[in-house]
Every structure is written in C-alpha cells, then in structure tokens.
Amino acid sequence: MKKGTSLFTWTKHSEAKLKQYMLSESRVKRVIRNPLRVEKGIAPNTLASMQKAGSKKHPYEIWTMYVIENAKSRDEKLRPKTIKVISAWKYPGITQPGDPIPIPPDIFEEIIKSMKLQN
C-alpha cells in the first residue's frame, strides 16, 4: 500500500498501473480531486475521472477508476469516507463525453477477474 493520507487507499493493481504508465500518486489524486469529466465506472459503484494531458500535437487523457467507501473502525463507528483507487491509465487521444470509458483490454480483464473473485 502506498504511503500518504488515510483518505486514499490503493489496490495492488493500481500500484502496478502507476508504474506501467509512469504516473505519480499525486497525479492520480489530482485527477480525482479536479476532474475534467466524471463518468460511471464499469464495475458496480465505481466512478471514473479524467483529465487531459500532453500537447496539442500529442494529446492524451489520464483516467482513474475508484470507489468512495466508508471505512469502519474496530468499534463499528463510521470514520470519514475513504477513496479506494482501483486503476489508473493513459489513453492516447481524446474521447467524447458520454462515450464508453476507454479501458485498455488488459485492465478490463483484470478488473473482471477481480470482480469474479469477490463474488
């Protein structure tokens, strides 16, 4: 798990994708805190946020999928909400609002596998 505030928790998958796409933890937090666009995620109860990046000649988008959840303490009282980062990726090009979220096939497969394991 990444160091930092208790507001964010990170899955092993998200940590691996940060390395793969050369994204920093702070960049992903910024995408969540100040998104250009927010869409419904592919997994139940998830959100996907996006920010544009790159240049005019070589634009890309940074996407992150996360879930907002309440964390329970030992005495079952609710603590403040936490944000669990599920995945993050770069998409080359620009997507249109309302289009399906552009998830790379490898990330999509891993998310589907993890959903099956939870059920």
PDB file of N, CA and C in Angstrom:
ATOM      1  N   MET A   1       0.836  -1.177   0.000  1.00  0.00           N
ATOM      2  CA  MET A   1       0.000   0.000   0.000  1.00  0.00           C
ATOM      3  C   MET A   1       0.882   1.242   0.000  1.00  0.00           C
ATOM      4  N   LYS A   2       0.464   2.231  -0.730  1.00  0.00           N
ATOM      5  CA  LYS A   2       1.219   3.474  -0.818  1.00  0.00           C
ATOM      6  C   LYS A   2       1.151   4.252   0.485  1.00  0.00           C
ATOM      7  N   LYS A   3       2.197   5.004   0.732  1.00  0.00           N
ATOM      8  CA  LYS A   3       2.194   5.900   1.881  1.00  0.00           C
ATOM      9  C   LYS A   3       1.335   7.106   1.543  1.00  0.00           C
ATOM     10  N   GLY A   4       0.950   7.844   2.558  1.00  0.00           N
ATOM     11  CA  GLY A   4       0.180   9.053   2.306  1.00  0.00           C
ATOM     12  C   GLY A   4      -0.958   9.184   3.280  1.00  0.00           C
ATOM     13  N   THR A   5      -1.957   9.929   2.862  1.00  0.00           N
ATOM     14  CA  THR A   5      -3.082  10.182   3.738  1.00  0.00           C
ATOM     15  C   THR A   5      -3.958   8.950   3.848  1.00  0.00           C
ATOM     16  N   SER A   6      -4.735   8.908   4.912  1.00  0.00           N
ATOM     17  CA  SER A   6      -5.653   7.795   5.083  1.00  0.00           C
ATOM     18  C   SER A   6      -6.901   7.958   4.228  1.00  0.00           C
ATOM     19  N   LEU A   7      -7.029   9.112   3.556  1.00  0.00           N
ATOM     20  CA  LEU A   7      -8.173   9.339   2.692  1.00  0.00           C
ATOM     21  C   LEU A   7      -8.124   8.410   1.476  1.00  0.00           C
ATOM     22  N   PHE A   8      -6.919   8.089   0.983  1.00  0.00           N
ATOM     23  CA  PHE A   8      -6.768   7.243  -0.201  1.00  0.00           C
ATOM     24  C   PHE A   8      -6.207   5.885   0.179  1.00  0.00           C
ATOM     25  N   THR A   9      -6.788   4.837  -0.419  1.00  0.00           N
ATOM     26  CA  THR A   9      -6.203   3.505  -0.334  1.00  0.00           C
ATOM     27  C   THR A   9      -5.950   3.040  -1.760  1.00  0.00           C
ATOM     28  N   TRP A  10      -4.957   2.196  -1.925  1.00  0.00           N
ATOM     29  CA  TRP A  10      -4.514   1.787  -3.253  1.00  0.00           C
ATOM     30  C   TRP A  10      -4.533   0.272  -3.362  1.00  0.00           C
ATOM     31  N   THR A  11      -5.082  -0.246  -4.463  1.00  0.00           N
ATOM     32  CA  THR A  11      -5.035  -1.683  -4.714  1.00  0.00           C
ATOM     33  C   THR A  11      -3.678  -2.030  -5.313  1.00  0.00           C
ATOM     34  N   LYS A  12      -3.317  -3.298  -5.251  1.00  0.00           N
ATOM     35  CA  LYS A  12      -2.063  -3.749  -5.871  1.00  0.00           C
ATOM     36  C   LYS A  12      -2.098  -3.459  -7.372  1.00  0.00           C
ATOM     37  N   HIS A  13      -3.281  -3.646  -7.968  1.00  0.00           N
ATOM     38  CA  HIS A  13      -3.443  -3.388  -9.401  1.00  0.00           C
ATOM     39  C   HIS A  13      -3.142  -1.921  -9.716  1.00  0.00           C
ATOM     40  N   SER A  14      -3.672  -1.017  -8.907  1.00  0.00           N
ATOM     41  CA  SER A  14      -3.445   0.410  -9.170  1.00  0.00           C
ATOM     42  C   SER A  14      -1.972   0.773  -8.994  1.00  0.00           C
ATOM     43  N   GLU A  15      -1.306   0.185  -8.022  1.00  0.00           N
ATOM     44  CA  GLU A  15       0.122   0.450  -7.834  1.00  0.00           C
ATOM     45  C   GLU A  15       0.933  -0.007  -9.044  1.00  0.00           C
ATOM     46  N   ALA A  16       0.561  -1.173  -9.598  1.00  0.00           N
ATOM     47  CA  ALA A  16       1.255  -1.680 -10.779  1.00  0.00           C
ATOM     48  C   ALA A  16       1.018  -0.772 -11.988  1.00  0.00           C
ATOM     49  N   LYS A  17      -0.196  -0.262 -12.132  1.00  0.00           N
ATOM     50  CA  LYS A  17      -0.514   0.603 -13.275  1.00  0.00           C
ATOM     51  C   LYS A  17       0.171   1.962 -13.158  1.00  0.00           C
ATOM     52  N   LEU A  18       0.382   2.447 -11.939  1.00  0.00           N
ATOM     53  CA  LEU A  18       1.131   3.693 -11.771  1.00  0.00           C
ATOM     54  C   LEU A  18       2.539   3.536 -12.331  1.00  0.00           C
ATOM     55  N   LYS A  19       3.148   2.394 -12.066  1.00  0.00           N
ATOM     56  CA  LYS A  19       4.490   2.137 -12.596  1.00  0.00           C
ATOM     57  C   LYS A  19       4.464   1.961 -14.108  1.00  0.00           C
ATOM     58  N   GLN A  20       3.482   1.183 -14.596  1.00  0.00           N
ATOM     59  CA  GLN A  20       3.408   0.893 -16.026  1.00  0.00           C
ATOM     60  C   GLN A  20       3.234   2.161 -16.855  1.00  0.00           C
ATOM     61  N   TYR A  21       2.361   3.051 -16.419  1.00  0.00           N
ATOM     62  CA  TYR A  21       2.074   4.266 -17.177  1.00  0.00           C
ATOM     63  C   TYR A  21       2.879   5.468 -16.698  1.00  0.00           C
ATOM     64  N   MET A  22       3.833   5.246 -15.790  1.00  0.00           N
ATOM     65  CA  MET A  22       4.698   6.298 -15.254  1.00  0.00           C
ATOM     66  C   MET A  22       3.883   7.473 -14.703  1.00  0.00           C
ATOM     67  N   LEU A  23       2.900   7.146 -13.871  1.00  0.00           N
ATOM     68  CA  LEU A  23       2.076   8.149 -13.209  1.00  0.00           C
ATOM     69  C   LEU A  23       2.468   8.213 -11.743  1.00  0.00           C
ATOM     70  N   SER A  24       2.407   9.385 -11.180  1.00  0.00           N
ATOM     71  CA  SER A  24       2.706   9.518  -9.753  1.00  0.00           C
ATOM     72  C   SER A  24       1.403   9.433  -8.948  1.00  0.00           C
ATOM     73  N   GLU A  25       1.567   9.108  -7.683  1.00  0.00           N
ATOM     74  CA  GLU A  25       0.427   9.043  -6.782  1.00  0.00           C
ATOM     75  C   GLU A  25      -0.274  10.405  -6.716  1.00  0.00           C
ATOM     76  N   SER A  26       0.523  11.478  -6.661  1.00  0.00           N
ATOM     77  CA  SER A  26      -0.063  12.816  -6.574  1.00  0.00           C
ATOM     78  C   SER A  26      -0.822  13.184  -7.851  1.00  0.00           C
ATOM     79  N   ARG A  27      -0.371  12.707  -9.018  1.00  0.00           N
ATOM     80  CA  ARG A  27      -1.065  12.994 -10.277  1.00  0.00           C
ATOM     81  C   ARG A  27      -2.428  12.324 -10.294  1.00  0.00           C
ATOM     82  N   VAL A  28      -2.499  11.097  -9.818  1.00  0.00           N
ATOM     83  CA  VAL A  28      -3.771  10.381  -9.775  1.00  0.00           C
ATOM     84  C   VAL A  28      -4.723  11.058  -8.779  1.00  0.00           C
ATOM     85  N   LYS A  29      -4.200  11.491  -7.642  1.00  0.00           N
ATOM     86  CA  LYS A  29      -5.031  12.215  -6.676  1.00  0.00           C
ATOM     87  C   LYS A  29      -5.588  13.495  -7.289  1.00  0.00           C
ATOM     88  N   ARG A  30      -4.772  14.177  -8.077  1.00  0.00           N
ATOM     89  CA  ARG A  30      -5.218  15.412  -8.724  1.00  0.00           C
ATOM     90  C   ARG A  30      -6.326  15.139  -9.731  1.00  0.00           C
ATOM     91  N   VAL A  31      -6.230  14.014 -10.456  1.00  0.00           N
ATOM     92  CA  VAL A  31      -7.284  13.648 -11.409  1.00  0.00           C
ATOM     93  C   VAL A  31      -8.595  13.408 -10.664  1.00  0.00           C
ATOM     94  N   ILE A  32      -8.519  12.791  -9.475  1.00  0.00           N
ATOM     95  CA  ILE A  32      -9.720  12.517  -8.686  1.00  0.00           C
ATOM     96  C   ILE A  32     -10.283  13.811  -8.094  1.00  0.00           C
ATOM     97  N   ARG A  33      -9.412  14.674  -7.586  1.00  0.00           N
ATOM     98  CA  ARG A  33      -9.871  15.899  -6.929  1.00  0.00           C
ATOM     99  C   ARG A  33     -10.372  16.970  -7.906  1.00  0.00           C
ATOM    100  N   ASN A  34      -9.757  17.057  -9.079  1.00  0.00           N
ATOM    101  CA  ASN A  34     -10.110  18.093 -10.060  1.00  0.00           C
ATOM    102  C   ASN A  34     -10.311  17.494 -11.445  1.00  0.00           C
ATOM    103  N   PRO A  35     -11.323  16.675 -11.612  1.00  0.00           N
ATOM    104  CA  PRO A  35     -11.506  16.044 -12.923  1.00  0.00           C
ATOM    105  C   PRO A  35     -12.082  17.006 -13.957  1.00  0.00           C
ATOM    106  N   LEU A  36     -11.727  16.765 -15.199  1.00  0.00           N
ATOM    107  CA  LEU A  36     -12.362  17.488 -16.298  1.00  0.00           C
ATOM    108  C   LEU A  36     -13.725  16.847 -16.576  1.00  0.00           C
ATOM    109  N   ARG A  37     -13.786  15.535 -16.365  1.00  0.00           N
ATOM    110  CA  ARG A  37     -15.021  14.785 -16.613  1.00  0.00           C
ATOM    111  C   ARG A  37     -15.097  13.599 -15.654  1.00  0.00           C
ATOM    112  N   VAL A  38     -16.295  13.278 -15.194  1.00  0.00           N
ATOM    113  CA  VAL A  38     -16.528  12.115 -14.332  1.00  0.00           C
ATOM    114  C   VAL A  38     -17.595  11.267 -14.994  1.00  0.00           C
ATOM    115  N   GLU A  39     -17.327   9.973 -15.110  1.00  0.00           N
ATOM    116  CA  GLU A  39     -18.273   9.035 -15.715  1.00  0.00           C
ATOM    117  C   GLU A  39     -18.503   7.878 -14.745  1.00  0.00           C
ATOM    118  N   LYS A  40     -19.534   7.106 -15.002  1.00  0.00           N
ATOM    119  CA  LYS A  40     -19.805   5.908 -14.218  1.00  0.00           C
ATOM    120  C   LYS A  40     -18.802   4.834 -14.627  1.00  0.00           C
ATOM    121  N   GLY A  41     -18.205   4.149 -13.644  1.00  0.00           N
ATOM    122  CA  GLY A  41     -17.223   3.102 -13.936  1.00  0.00           C
ATOM    123  C   GLY A  41     -17.871   1.826 -14.427  1.00  0.00           C
ATOM    124  N   ILE A  42     -17.048   0.895 -14.908  1.00  0.00           N
ATOM    125  CA  ILE A  42     -17.589  -0.362 -15.426  1.00  0.00           C
ATOM    126  C   ILE A  42     -17.950  -1.329 -14.312  1.00  0.00           C
ATOM    127  N   ALA A  43     -17.262  -1.250 -13.183  1.00  0.00           N
ATOM    128  CA  ALA A  43     -17.573  -2.103 -12.041  1.00  0.00           C
ATOM    129  C   ALA A  43     -18.690  -1.437 -11.227  1.00  0.00           C
ATOM    130  N   PRO A  44     -19.459  -2.222 -10.476  1.00  0.00           N
ATOM    131  CA  PRO A  44     -20.544  -1.642  -9.687  1.00  0.00           C
ATOM    132  C   PRO A  44     -20.033  -0.608  -8.675  1.00  0.00           C
ATOM    133  N   ASN A  45     -20.763   0.476  -8.526  1.00  0.00           N
ATOM    134  CA  ASN A  45     -20.482   1.531  -7.547  1.00  0.00           C
ATOM    135  C   ASN A  45     -19.133   2.221  -7.739  1.00  0.00           C
ATOM    136  N   THR A  46     -18.620   2.243  -8.959  1.00  0.00           N
ATOM    137  CA  THR A  46     -17.335   2.898  -9.204  1.00  0.00           C
ATOM    138  C   THR A  46     -17.530   4.144 -10.052  1.00  0.00           C
ATOM    139  N   LEU A  47     -16.559   5.025  -9.963  1.00  0.00           N
ATOM    140  CA  LEU A  47     -16.527   6.234 -10.769  1.00  0.00           C
ATOM    141  C   LEU A  47     -15.220   6.259 -11.549  1.00  0.00           C
ATOM    142  N   ALA A  48     -15.237   6.900 -12.702  1.00  0.00           N
ATOM    143  CA  ALA A  48     -14.024   7.080 -13.498  1.00  0.00           C
ATOM    144  C   ALA A  48     -13.868   8.567 -13.774  1.00  0.00           C
ATOM    145  N   SER A  49     -12.704   9.112 -13.418  1.00  0.00           N
ATOM    146  CA  SER A  49     -12.418  10.530 -13.626  1.00  0.00           C
ATOM    147  C   SER A  49     -11.329  10.687 -14.669  1.00  0.00           C
ATOM    148  N   MET A  50     -11.364  11.825 -15.386  1.00  0.00           N
ATOM    149  CA  MET A  50     -10.420  12.053 -16.468  1.00  0.00           C
ATOM    150  C   MET A  50      -9.912  13.480 -16.440  1.00  0.00           C
ATOM    151  N   GLN A  51      -8.638  13.642 -16.819  1.00  0.00           N
ATOM    152  CA  GLN A  51      -8.040  14.943 -17.089  1.00  0.00           C
ATOM    153  C   GLN A  51      -7.276  14.846 -18.392  1.00  0.00           C
ATOM    154  N   LYS A  52      -7.292  15.930 -19.154  1.00  0.00           N
ATOM    155  CA  LYS A  52      -6.496  15.984 -20.376  1.00  0.00           C
ATOM    156  C   LYS A  52      -5.042  16.245 -20.015  1.00  0.00           C
ATOM    157  N   ALA A  53      -4.140  15.752 -20.856  1.00  0.00           N
ATOM    158  CA  ALA A  53      -2.708  15.958 -20.654  1.00  0.00           C
ATOM    159  C   ALA A  53      -2.039  15.950 -22.021  1.00  0.00           C
ATOM    160  N   GLY A  54      -0.737  16.166 -22.035  1.00  0.00           N
ATOM    161  CA  GLY A  54       0.007  16.158 -23.290  1.00  0.00           C
ATOM    162  C   GLY A  54       0.006  17.532 -23.941  1.00  0.00           C
ATOM    163  N   SER A  55       0.187  17.532 -25.254  1.00  0.00           N
ATOM    164  CA  SER A  55       0.263  18.782 -26.010  1.00  0.00           C
ATOM    165  C   SER A  55      -0.827  18.794 -27.084  1.00  0.00           C
ATOM    166  N   LYS A  56      -0.919  19.895 -27.819  1.00  0.00           N
ATOM    167  CA  LYS A  56      -1.893  19.958 -28.905  1.00  0.00           C
ATOM    168  C   LYS A  56      -1.590  18.921 -29.972  1.00  0.00           C
ATOM    169  N   LYS A  57      -0.313  18.701 -30.225  1.00  0.00           N
ATOM    170  CA  LYS A  57       0.082  17.756 -31.264  1.00  0.00           C
ATOM    171  C   LYS A  57      -0.050  16.301 -30.804  1.00  0.00           C
ATOM    172  N   HIS A  58       0.208  16.048 -29.528  1.00  0.00           N
ATOM    173  CA  HIS A  58       0.149  14.686 -28.982  1.00  0.00           C
ATOM    174  C   HIS A  58      -0.685  14.663 -27.699  1.00  0.00           C
ATOM    175  N   PRO A  59      -2.008  14.840 -27.837  1.00  0.00           N
ATOM    176  CA  PRO A  59      -2.844  14.859 -26.631  1.00  0.00           C
ATOM    177  C   PRO A  59      -3.110  13.444 -26.118  1.00  0.00           C
ATOM    178  N   TYR A  60      -3.313  13.342 -24.833  1.00  0.00           N
ATOM    179  CA  TYR A  60      -3.758  12.097 -24.228  1.00  0.00           C
ATOM    180  C   TYR A  60      -4.587  12.427 -23.003  1.00  0.00           C
ATOM    181  N   GLU A  61      -5.235  11.417 -22.458  1.00  0.00           N
ATOM    182  CA  GLU A  61      -6.064  11.589 -21.272  1.00  0.00           C
ATOM    183  C   GLU A  61      -5.558  10.665 -20.173  1.00  0.00           C
ATOM    184  N   ILE A  62      -5.636  11.145 -18.951  1.00  0.00           N
ATOM    185  CA  ILE A  62      -5.308  10.315 -17.789  1.00  0.00           C
ATOM    186  C   ILE A  62      -6.627   9.965 -17.119  1.00  0.00           C
ATOM    187  N   TRP A  63      -6.883   8.677 -16.987  1.00  0.00           N
ATOM    188  CA  TRP A  63      -8.115   8.175 -16.379  1.00  0.00           C
ATOM    189  C   TRP A  63      -7.777   7.459 -15.080  1.00  0.00           C
ATOM    190  N   THR A  64      -8.697   7.515 -14.143  1.00  0.00           N
ATOM    191  CA  THR A  64      -8.575   6.723 -12.926  1.00  0.00           C
ATOM    192  C   THR A  64      -9.952   6.211 -12.525  1.00  0.00           C
ATOM    193  N   MET A  65     -10.010   4.964 -12.079  1.00  0.00           N
ATOM    194  CA  MET A  65     -11.254   4.381 -11.604  1.00  0.00           C
ATOM    195  C   MET A  65     -11.132   4.170 -10.104  1.00  0.00           C
ATOM    196  N   TYR A  66     -12.173   4.564  -9.382  1.00  0.00           N
ATOM    197  CA  TYR A  66     -12.123   4.493  -7.929  1.00  0.00           C
ATOM    198  C   TYR A  66     -13.520   4.291  -7.360  1.00  0.00           C
ATOM    199  N   VAL A  67     -13.558   3.983  -6.083  1.00  0.00           N
ATOM    200  CA  VAL A  67     -14.820   3.835  -5.362  1.00  0.00           C
ATOM    201  C   VAL A  67     -14.709   4.627  -4.064  1.00  0.00           C
ATOM    202  N   ILE A  68     -15.792   5.304  -3.700  1.00  0.00           N
ATOM    203  CA  ILE A  68     -15.840   6.040  -2.436  1.00  0.00           C
ATOM    204  C   ILE A  68     -16.555   5.146  -1.431  1.00  0.00           C
ATOM    205  N   GLU A  69     -15.883   4.875  -0.323  1.00  0.00           N
ATOM    206  CA  GLU A  69     -16.453   3.944   0.663  1.00  0.00           C
ATOM    207  C   GLU A  69     -16.256   4.476   2.074  1.00  0.00           C
ATOM    208  N   ASN A  70     -17.128   4.027   2.959  1.00  0.00           N
ATOM    209  CA  ASN A  70     -16.984   4.343   4.375  1.00  0.00           C
ATOM    210  C   ASN A  70     -16.130   3.264   5.006  1.00  0.00           C
ATOM    211  N   ALA A  71     -15.167   3.668   5.793  1.00  0.00           N
ATOM    212  CA  ALA A  71     -14.320   2.717   6.497  1.00  0.00           C
ATOM    213  C   ALA A  71     -14.833   2.579   7.917  1.00  0.00           C
ATOM    214  N   LYS A  72     -14.874   1.352   8.410  1.00  0.00           N
ATOM    215  CA  LYS A  72     -15.345   1.121   9.772  1.00  0.00           C
ATOM    216  C   LYS A  72     -14.162   0.880  10.690  1.00  0.00           C
ATOM    217  N   SER A  73     -14.263   1.417  11.872  1.00  0.00           N
ATOM    218  CA  SER A  73     -13.221   1.180  12.858  1.00  0.00           C
ATOM    219  C   SER A  73     -13.565  -0.069  13.657  1.00  0.00           C
ATOM    220  N   ARG A  74     -12.743  -0.381  14.624  1.00  0.00           N
ATOM    221  CA  ARG A  74     -12.954  -1.603  15.419  1.00  0.00           C
ATOM    222  C   ARG A  74     -14.269  -1.588  16.180  1.00  0.00           C
ATOM    223  N   ASP A  75     -14.681  -0.436  16.652  1.00  0.00           N
ATOM    224  CA  ASP A  75     -15.928  -0.371  17.410  1.00  0.00           C
ATOM    225  C   ASP A  75     -17.143  -0.090  16.516  1.00  0.00           C
ATOM    226  N   GLU A  76     -17.001  -0.341  15.206  1.00  0.00           N
ATOM    227  CA  GLU A  76     -18.075  -0.267  14.203  1.00  0.00           C
ATOM    228  C   GLU A  76     -18.646   1.132  14.002  1.00  0.00           C
ATOM    229  N   LYS A  77     -17.950   2.158  14.453  1.00  0.00           N
ATOM    230  CA  LYS A  77     -18.384   3.512  14.149  1.00  0.00           C
ATOM    231  C   LYS A  77     -17.792   3.903  12.804  1.00  0.00           C
ATOM    232  N   LEU A  78     -18.551   4.646  12.033  1.00  0.00           N
ATOM    233  CA  LEU A  78     -18.077   5.047  10.705  1.00  0.00           C
ATOM    234  C   LEU A  78     -17.051   6.156  10.828  1.00  0.00           C
ATOM    235  N   ARG A  79     -15.948   5.974  10.148  1.00  0.00           N
ATOM    236  CA  ARG A  79     -14.938   7.020  10.022  1.00  0.00           C
ATOM    237  C   ARG A  79     -15.277   7.830   8.781  1.00  0.00           C
ATOM    238  N   PRO A  80     -14.545   8.879   8.522  1.00  0.00           N
ATOM    239  CA  PRO A  80     -14.773   9.632   7.273  1.00  0.00           C
ATOM    240  C   PRO A  80     -14.599   8.732   6.053  1.00  0.00           C
ATOM    241  N   LYS A  81     -15.174   9.138   4.955  1.00  0.00           N
ATOM    242  CA  LYS A  81     -15.107   8.352   3.726  1.00  0.00           C
ATOM    243  C   LYS A  81     -13.668   8.204   3.247  1.00  0.00           C
ATOM    244  N   THR A  82     -13.394   7.069   2.625  1.00  0.00           N
ATOM    245  CA  THR A  82     -12.094   6.847   2.006  1.00  0.00           C
ATOM    246  C   THR A  82     -12.317   6.630   0.511  1.00  0.00           C
ATOM    247  N   ILE A  83     -11.284   6.903  -0.256  1.00  0.00           N
ATOM    248  CA  ILE A  83     -11.327   6.710  -1.699  1.00  0.00           C
ATOM    249  C   ILE A  83     -10.373   5.575  -2.032  1.00  0.00           C
ATOM    250  N   LYS A  84     -10.922   4.504  -2.581  1.00  0.00           N
ATOM    251  CA  LYS A  84     -10.115   3.337  -2.956  1.00  0.00           C
ATOM    252  C   LYS A  84      -9.832   3.412  -4.451  1.00  0.00           C
ATOM    253  N   VAL A  85      -8.567   3.609  -4.794  1.00  0.00           N
ATOM    254  CA  VAL A  85      -8.167   3.711  -6.196  1.00  0.00           C
ATOM    255  C   VAL A  85      -8.028   2.295  -6.749  1.00  0.00           C
ATOM    256  N   ILE A  86      -8.813   2.003  -7.768  1.00  0.00           N
ATOM    257  CA  ILE A  86      -8.832   0.660  -8.350  1.00  0.00           C
ATOM    258  C   ILE A  86      -7.846   0.546  -9.497  1.00  0.00           C
ATOM    259  N   SER A  87      -7.814   1.557 -10.369  1.00  0.00           N
ATOM    260  CA  SER A  87      -6.928   1.509 -11.523  1.00  0.00           C
ATOM    261  C   SER A  87      -6.665   2.910 -12.043  1.00  0.00           C
ATOM    262  N   ALA A  88      -5.605   3.049 -12.838  1.00  0.00           N
ATOM    263  CA  ALA A  88      -5.276   4.314 -13.496  1.00  0.00           C
ATOM    264  C   ALA A  88      -4.598   3.978 -14.815  1.00  0.00           C
ATOM    265  N   TRP A  89      -4.846   4.795 -15.836  1.00  0.00           N
ATOM    266  CA  TRP A  89      -4.230   4.534 -17.133  1.00  0.00           C
ATOM    267  C   TRP A  89      -4.205   5.806 -17.973  1.00  0.00           C
ATOM    268  N   LYS A  90      -3.377   5.757 -19.018  1.00  0.00           N
ATOM    269  CA  LYS A  90      -3.316   6.831 -20.011  1.00  0.00           C
ATOM    270  C   LYS A  90      -4.010   6.337 -21.276  1.00  0.00           C
ATOM    271  N   TYR A  91      -4.807   7.214 -21.873  1.00  0.00           N
ATOM    272  CA  TYR A  91      -5.460   6.891 -23.130  1.00  0.00           C
ATOM    273  C   TYR A  91      -4.931   7.845 -24.196  1.00  0.00           C
ATOM    274  N   PRO A  92      -4.315   7.318 -25.254  1.00  0.00           N
ATOM    275  CA  PRO A  92      -3.802   8.210 -26.304  1.00  0.00           C
ATOM    276  C   PRO A  92      -4.956   8.763 -27.129  1.00  0.00           C
ATOM    277  N   GLY A  93      -5.051  10.060 -27.214  1.00  0.00           N
ATOM    278  CA  GLY A  93      -6.134  10.672 -27.979  1.00  0.00           C
ATOM    279  C   GLY A  93      -7.159  11.316 -27.070  1.00  0.00           C
ATOM    280  N   ILE A  94      -8.260  11.724 -27.671  1.00  0.00           N
ATOM    281  CA  ILE A  94      -9.325  12.435 -26.964  1.00  0.00           C
ATOM    282  C   ILE A  94     -10.628  11.658 -27.130  1.00  0.00           C
ATOM    283  N   THR A  95     -11.367  11.476 -26.035  1.00  0.00           N
ATOM    284  CA  THR A  95     -12.662  10.804 -26.085  1.00  0.00           C
ATOM    285  C   THR A  95     -13.773  11.843 -25.998  1.00  0.00           C
ATOM    286  N   GLN A  96     -14.941  11.469 -26.463  1.00  0.00           N
ATOM    287  CA  GLN A  96     -16.102  12.345 -26.413  1.00  0.00           C
ATOM    288  C   GLN A  96     -16.902  12.070 -25.138  1.00  0.00           C
ATOM    289  N   PRO A  97     -17.463  13.103 -24.519  1.00  0.00           N
ATOM    290  CA  PRO A  97     -18.307  12.883 -23.335  1.00  0.00           C
ATOM    291  C   PRO A  97     -19.479  11.967 -23.678  1.00  0.00           C
ATOM    292  N   GLY A  98     -19.757  11.036 -22.786  1.00  0.00           N
ATOM    293  CA  GLY A  98     -20.849  10.096 -22.996  1.00  0.00           C
ATOM    294  C   GLY A  98     -20.445   8.817 -23.692  1.00  0.00           C
ATOM    295  N   ASP A  99     -19.289   8.803 -24.363  1.00  0.00           N
ATOM    296  CA  ASP A  99     -18.806   7.572 -24.988  1.00  0.00           C
ATOM    297  C   ASP A  99     -18.392   6.588 -23.891  1.00  0.00           C
ATOM    298  N   PRO A 100     -18.350   5.292 -24.198  1.00  0.00           N
ATOM    299  CA  PRO A 100     -17.868   4.337 -23.201  1.00  0.00           C
ATOM    300  C   PRO A 100     -16.448   4.680 -22.758  1.00  0.00           C
ATOM    301  N   ILE A 101     -16.140   4.383 -21.520  1.00  0.00           N
ATOM    302  CA  ILE A 101     -14.823   4.682 -20.974  1.00  0.00           C
ATOM    303  C   ILE A 101     -13.780   3.855 -21.728  1.00  0.00           C
ATOM    304  N   PRO A 102     -12.715   4.494 -22.218  1.00  0.00           N
ATOM    305  CA  PRO A 102     -11.697   3.767 -22.984  1.00  0.00           C
ATOM    306  C   PRO A 102     -10.740   3.005 -22.067  1.00  0.00           C
ATOM    307  N   ILE A 103     -11.102   1.777 -21.747  1.00  0.00           N
ATOM    308  CA  ILE A 103     -10.270   0.975 -20.850  1.00  0.00           C
ATOM    309  C   ILE A 103      -9.440   0.012 -21.687  1.00  0.00           C
ATOM    310  N   PRO A 104      -8.108   0.002 -21.487  1.00  0.00           N
ATOM    311  CA  PRO A 104      -7.276  -0.961 -22.208  1.00  0.00           C
ATOM    312  C   PRO A 104      -7.708  -2.395 -21.882  1.00  0.00           C
ATOM    313  N   PRO A 105      -7.607  -3.305 -22.852  1.00  0.00           N
ATOM    314  CA  PRO A 105      -8.087  -4.675 -22.653  1.00  0.00           C
ATOM    315  C   PRO A 105      -7.472  -5.385 -21.440  1.00  0.00           C
ATOM    316  N   ASP A 106      -6.177  -5.172 -21.182  1.00  0.00           N
ATOM    317  CA  ASP A 106      -5.553  -5.858 -20.054  1.00  0.00           C
ATOM    318  C   ASP A 106      -6.137  -5.396 -18.724  1.00  0.00           C
ATOM    319  N   ILE A 107      -6.418  -4.112 -18.595  1.00  0.00           N
ATOM    320  CA  ILE A 107      -7.019  -3.591 -17.367  1.00  0.00           C
ATOM    321  C   ILE A 107      -8.437  -4.109 -17.222  1.00  0.00           C
ATOM    322  N   PHE A 108      -9.195  -4.125 -18.317  1.00  0.00           N
ATOM    323  CA  PHE A 108     -10.572  -4.616 -18.289  1.00  0.00           C
ATOM    324  C   PHE A 108     -10.623  -6.067 -17.820  1.00  0.00           C
ATOM    325  N   GLU A 109      -9.749  -6.903 -18.358  1.00  0.00           N
ATOM    326  CA  GLU A 109      -9.712  -8.318 -17.975  1.00  0.00           C
ATOM    327  C   GLU A 109      -9.378  -8.494 -16.500  1.00  0.00           C
ATOM    328  N   GLU A 110      -8.399  -7.740 -15.996  1.00  0.00           N
ATOM    329  CA  GLU A 110      -8.016  -7.853 -14.598  1.00  0.00           C
ATOM    330  C   GLU A 110      -9.141  -7.412 -13.666  1.00  0.00           C
ATOM    331  N   ILE A 111      -9.865  -6.374 -14.043  1.00  0.00           N
ATOM    332  CA  ILE A 111     -10.976  -5.910 -13.219  1.00  0.00           C
ATOM    333  C   ILE A 111     -12.089  -6.941 -13.194  1.00  0.00           C
ATOM    334  N   ILE A 112     -12.402  -7.529 -14.341  1.00  0.00           N
ATOM    335  CA  ILE A 112     -13.439  -8.556 -14.407  1.00  0.00           C
ATOM    336  C   ILE A 112     -13.040  -9.762 -13.565  1.00  0.00           C
ATOM    337  N   LYS A 113     -11.782 -10.186 -13.633  1.00  0.00           N
ATOM    338  CA  LYS A 113     -11.302 -11.307 -12.825  1.00  0.00           C
ATOM    339  C   LYS A 113     -11.435 -11.021 -11.343  1.00  0.00           C
ATOM    340  N   SER A 114     -11.059  -9.824 -10.924  1.00  0.00           N
ATOM    341  CA  SER A 114     -11.144  -9.483  -9.502  1.00  0.00           C
ATOM    342  C   SER A 114     -12.595  -9.405  -9.039  1.00  0.00           C
ATOM    343  N   MET A 115     -13.511  -8.974  -9.920  1.00  0.00           N
ATOM    344  CA  MET A 115     -14.926  -8.946  -9.562  1.00  0.00           C
ATOM    345  C   MET A 115     -15.456 -10.365  -9.373  1.00  0.00           C
ATOM    346  N   LYS A 116     -15.004 -11.300 -10.205  1.00  0.00           N
ATOM    347  CA  LYS A 116     -15.464 -12.697 -10.080  1.00  0.00           C
ATOM    348  C   LYS A 116     -14.944 -13.314  -8.792  1.00  0.00           C
ATOM    349  N   LEU A 117     -13.716 -12.962  -8.397  1.00  0.00           N
ATOM    350  CA  LEU A 117     -13.146 -13.490  -7.165  1.00  0.00           C
ATOM    351  C   LEU A 117     -13.882 -12.984  -5.932  1.00  0.00           C
ATOM    352  N   GLN A 118     -14.405 -11.771  -5.993  1.00  0.00           N
ATOM    353  CA  GLN A 118     -15.115 -11.199  -4.858  1.00  0.00           C
ATOM    354  C   GLN A 118     -16.485 -11.841  -4.668  1.00  0.00           C
ATOM    355  N   ASN A 119     -17.095 -12.323  -5.748  1.00  0.00           N
ATOM    356  CA  ASN A 119     -18.430 -12.937  -5.656  1.00  0.00           C
ATOM    357  C   ASN A 119     -18.392 -14.345  -5.201  1.00  0.00           C
TER     358      ASN A 119
END
